[in-house]
Amino acid sequence: MNHLINLHQRLLITSVTVLFLAMASVAFDWWRHRDVSQVSYAVMVIMWLLLFSNAVVGGMVARQSANVSGLHILYGVLIFWPPAVMWYLRRWIDVRLRARYCFLGLLITAVLIHRVVATG
């Protein structure tokens, strides 16, 4: 059980690090008034895969532990709404504004991750 909790914490640290790299990359694209670059997309995909693997490990930890907060699970599920909304809205957003909306989605993700960590 302890090794799963340790893995869960390490994945969180790695996910947050990659999240801030994605935010920096998308902010640079926004600053340049251009479409989201392939590097930004690659970093965001890696971040979402890390968050998904962290959610899977967190689900295994929650199954074995009875003292997991319900808000922790709720915020963990809500983390996956920003990428779905970003993917859906991408078709109707002007090319020069996509980086702005991706940055906003990543910022919302950062707030949700903060809430997940705060609820413990």
Protein backbone atom coordinates (compact mmCIF):
# COMPACT_ATOMS: atom_id res chain seq x y z
CA MET A 1 0.00 0.00 0.00
CA ASN A 2 2.81 2.42 0.86
CA HIS A 3 4.46 1.91 -2.51
CA LEU A 4 1.20 2.89 -4.27
CA ILE A 5 0.89 6.05 -2.16
CA ASN A 6 4.53 6.87 -2.91
CA LEU A 7 3.94 6.31 -6.64
CA HIS A 8 0.80 8.48 -6.46
CA GLN A 9 2.78 11.33 -4.90
CA ARG A 10 5.65 11.04 -7.39
CA LEU A 11 3.25 11.06 -10.33
CA LEU A 12 1.63 14.19 -8.89
CA ILE A 13 4.98 15.98 -8.70
CA THR A 14 5.86 14.94 -12.24
CA SER A 15 2.40 15.93 -13.54
CA VAL A 16 2.60 19.38 -11.97
CA THR A 17 6.08 19.92 -13.38
CA VAL A 18 4.93 19.00 -16.88
CA LEU A 19 1.79 21.15 -16.38
CA PHE A 20 3.91 24.23 -15.78
CA LEU A 21 6.09 23.38 -18.79
CA ALA A 22 2.91 23.15 -20.89
CA MET A 23 1.68 26.47 -19.49
CA ALA A 24 4.99 28.12 -20.34
CA SER A 25 4.97 26.70 -23.87
CA VAL A 26 1.37 27.74 -24.52
CA ALA A 27 2.01 31.18 -22.98
CA PHE A 28 4.91 31.62 -25.42
CA ASP A 29 2.61 30.68 -28.31
CA TRP A 30 0.02 33.15 -27.02
CA TRP A 31 2.66 35.87 -26.73
CA ARG A 32 3.72 35.22 -30.34
CA HIS A 33 0.06 35.45 -31.52
CA ARG A 34 0.18 32.11 -33.27
CA ASP A 35 -1.52 28.75 -33.16
CA VAL A 36 -0.59 26.26 -30.46
CA SER A 37 2.66 24.64 -31.57
CA GLN A 38 3.31 20.93 -31.90
CA VAL A 39 5.66 21.12 -28.90
CA SER A 40 2.84 22.54 -26.79
CA TYR A 41 0.47 19.79 -27.92
CA ALA A 42 3.08 17.13 -27.16
CA VAL A 43 3.70 18.49 -23.66
CA MET A 44 -0.05 18.73 -22.98
CA VAL A 45 -0.60 15.14 -24.13
CA ILE A 46 2.22 13.92 -21.88
CA MET A 47 0.71 15.88 -18.99
CA TRP A 48 -2.77 14.42 -19.54
CA LEU A 49 -1.33 10.89 -19.76
CA LEU A 50 0.53 11.46 -16.49
CA LEU A 51 -2.64 12.76 -14.84
CA PHE A 52 -4.61 9.77 -16.16
CA SER A 53 -2.04 7.31 -14.81
CA ASN A 54 -2.09 9.19 -11.50
CA ALA A 55 -5.89 8.86 -11.42
CA VAL A 56 -5.62 5.11 -12.04
CA VAL A 57 -3.10 4.70 -9.23
CA GLY A 58 -5.25 6.96 -7.02
CA GLY A 59 -8.24 4.74 -7.73
CA MET A 60 -6.26 1.70 -6.62
CA VAL A 61 -5.23 3.54 -3.45
CA ALA A 62 -8.84 4.65 -2.79
CA ARG A 63 -10.09 1.08 -3.13
CA GLN A 64 -7.69 -0.10 -0.42
CA SER A 65 -8.11 2.87 1.90
CA ALA A 66 -11.33 3.86 3.66
CA ASN A 67 -10.25 7.38 4.66
CA VAL A 68 -10.18 9.02 1.20
CA SER A 69 -12.12 12.28 1.04
CA GLY A 70 -15.06 12.45 -1.34
CA LEU A 71 -13.94 15.90 -2.49
CA HIS A 72 -10.56 14.42 -3.42
CA ILE A 73 -12.30 11.98 -5.73
CA LEU A 74 -14.64 14.67 -7.11
CA TYR A 75 -11.81 17.06 -7.98
CA GLY A 76 -9.83 14.13 -9.40
CA VAL A 77 -12.67 13.46 -11.83
CA LEU A 78 -13.16 17.15 -12.64
CA ILE A 79 -9.53 17.43 -13.75
CA PHE A 80 -10.44 15.68 -17.00
CA TRP A 81 -13.08 18.25 -18.06
CA PRO A 82 -10.69 21.01 -19.28
CA PRO A 83 -9.03 18.87 -21.97
CA ALA A 84 -12.41 17.71 -23.23
CA VAL A 85 -13.66 21.29 -23.45
CA MET A 86 -10.40 22.47 -25.07
CA TRP A 87 -10.64 19.71 -27.67
CA TYR A 88 -14.30 20.44 -28.37
CA LEU A 89 -13.93 24.22 -28.66
CA ARG A 90 -10.77 24.01 -30.75
CA ARG A 91 -12.74 23.75 -33.97
CA TRP A 92 -14.57 27.07 -33.50
CA ILE A 93 -11.83 29.21 -32.03
CA ASP A 94 -9.77 31.50 -34.23
CA VAL A 95 -6.24 30.23 -34.80
CA ARG A 96 -4.63 33.21 -33.06
CA LEU A 97 -6.82 32.72 -29.98
CA ARG A 98 -6.31 28.98 -29.47
CA ALA A 99 -3.21 29.48 -27.32
CA ARG A 100 -5.15 31.84 -25.04
CA TYR A 101 -7.93 29.31 -24.50
CA CYS A 102 -5.46 26.46 -24.00
CA PHE A 103 -3.64 28.56 -21.41
CA LEU A 104 -6.94 29.24 -19.65
CA GLY A 105 -7.75 25.50 -19.68
CA LEU A 106 -4.32 24.68 -18.24
CA LEU A 107 -4.80 27.34 -15.56
CA ILE A 108 -8.14 25.78 -14.59
CA THR A 109 -6.39 22.40 -14.46
CA ALA A 110 -3.73 23.86 -12.15
CA VAL A 111 -6.45 25.20 -9.82
CA LEU A 112 -8.18 21.81 -9.81
CA ILE A 113 -4.90 20.04 -9.03
CA HIS A 114 -4.38 22.48 -6.18
CA ARG A 115 -7.84 21.63 -4.86
CA VAL A 116 -7.12 17.89 -5.14
CA VAL A 117 -3.95 18.30 -3.11
CA ALA A 118 -5.64 20.58 -0.57
CA THR A 119 -8.45 18.09 0.11
CA GLY A 120 -5.89 15.36 0.75
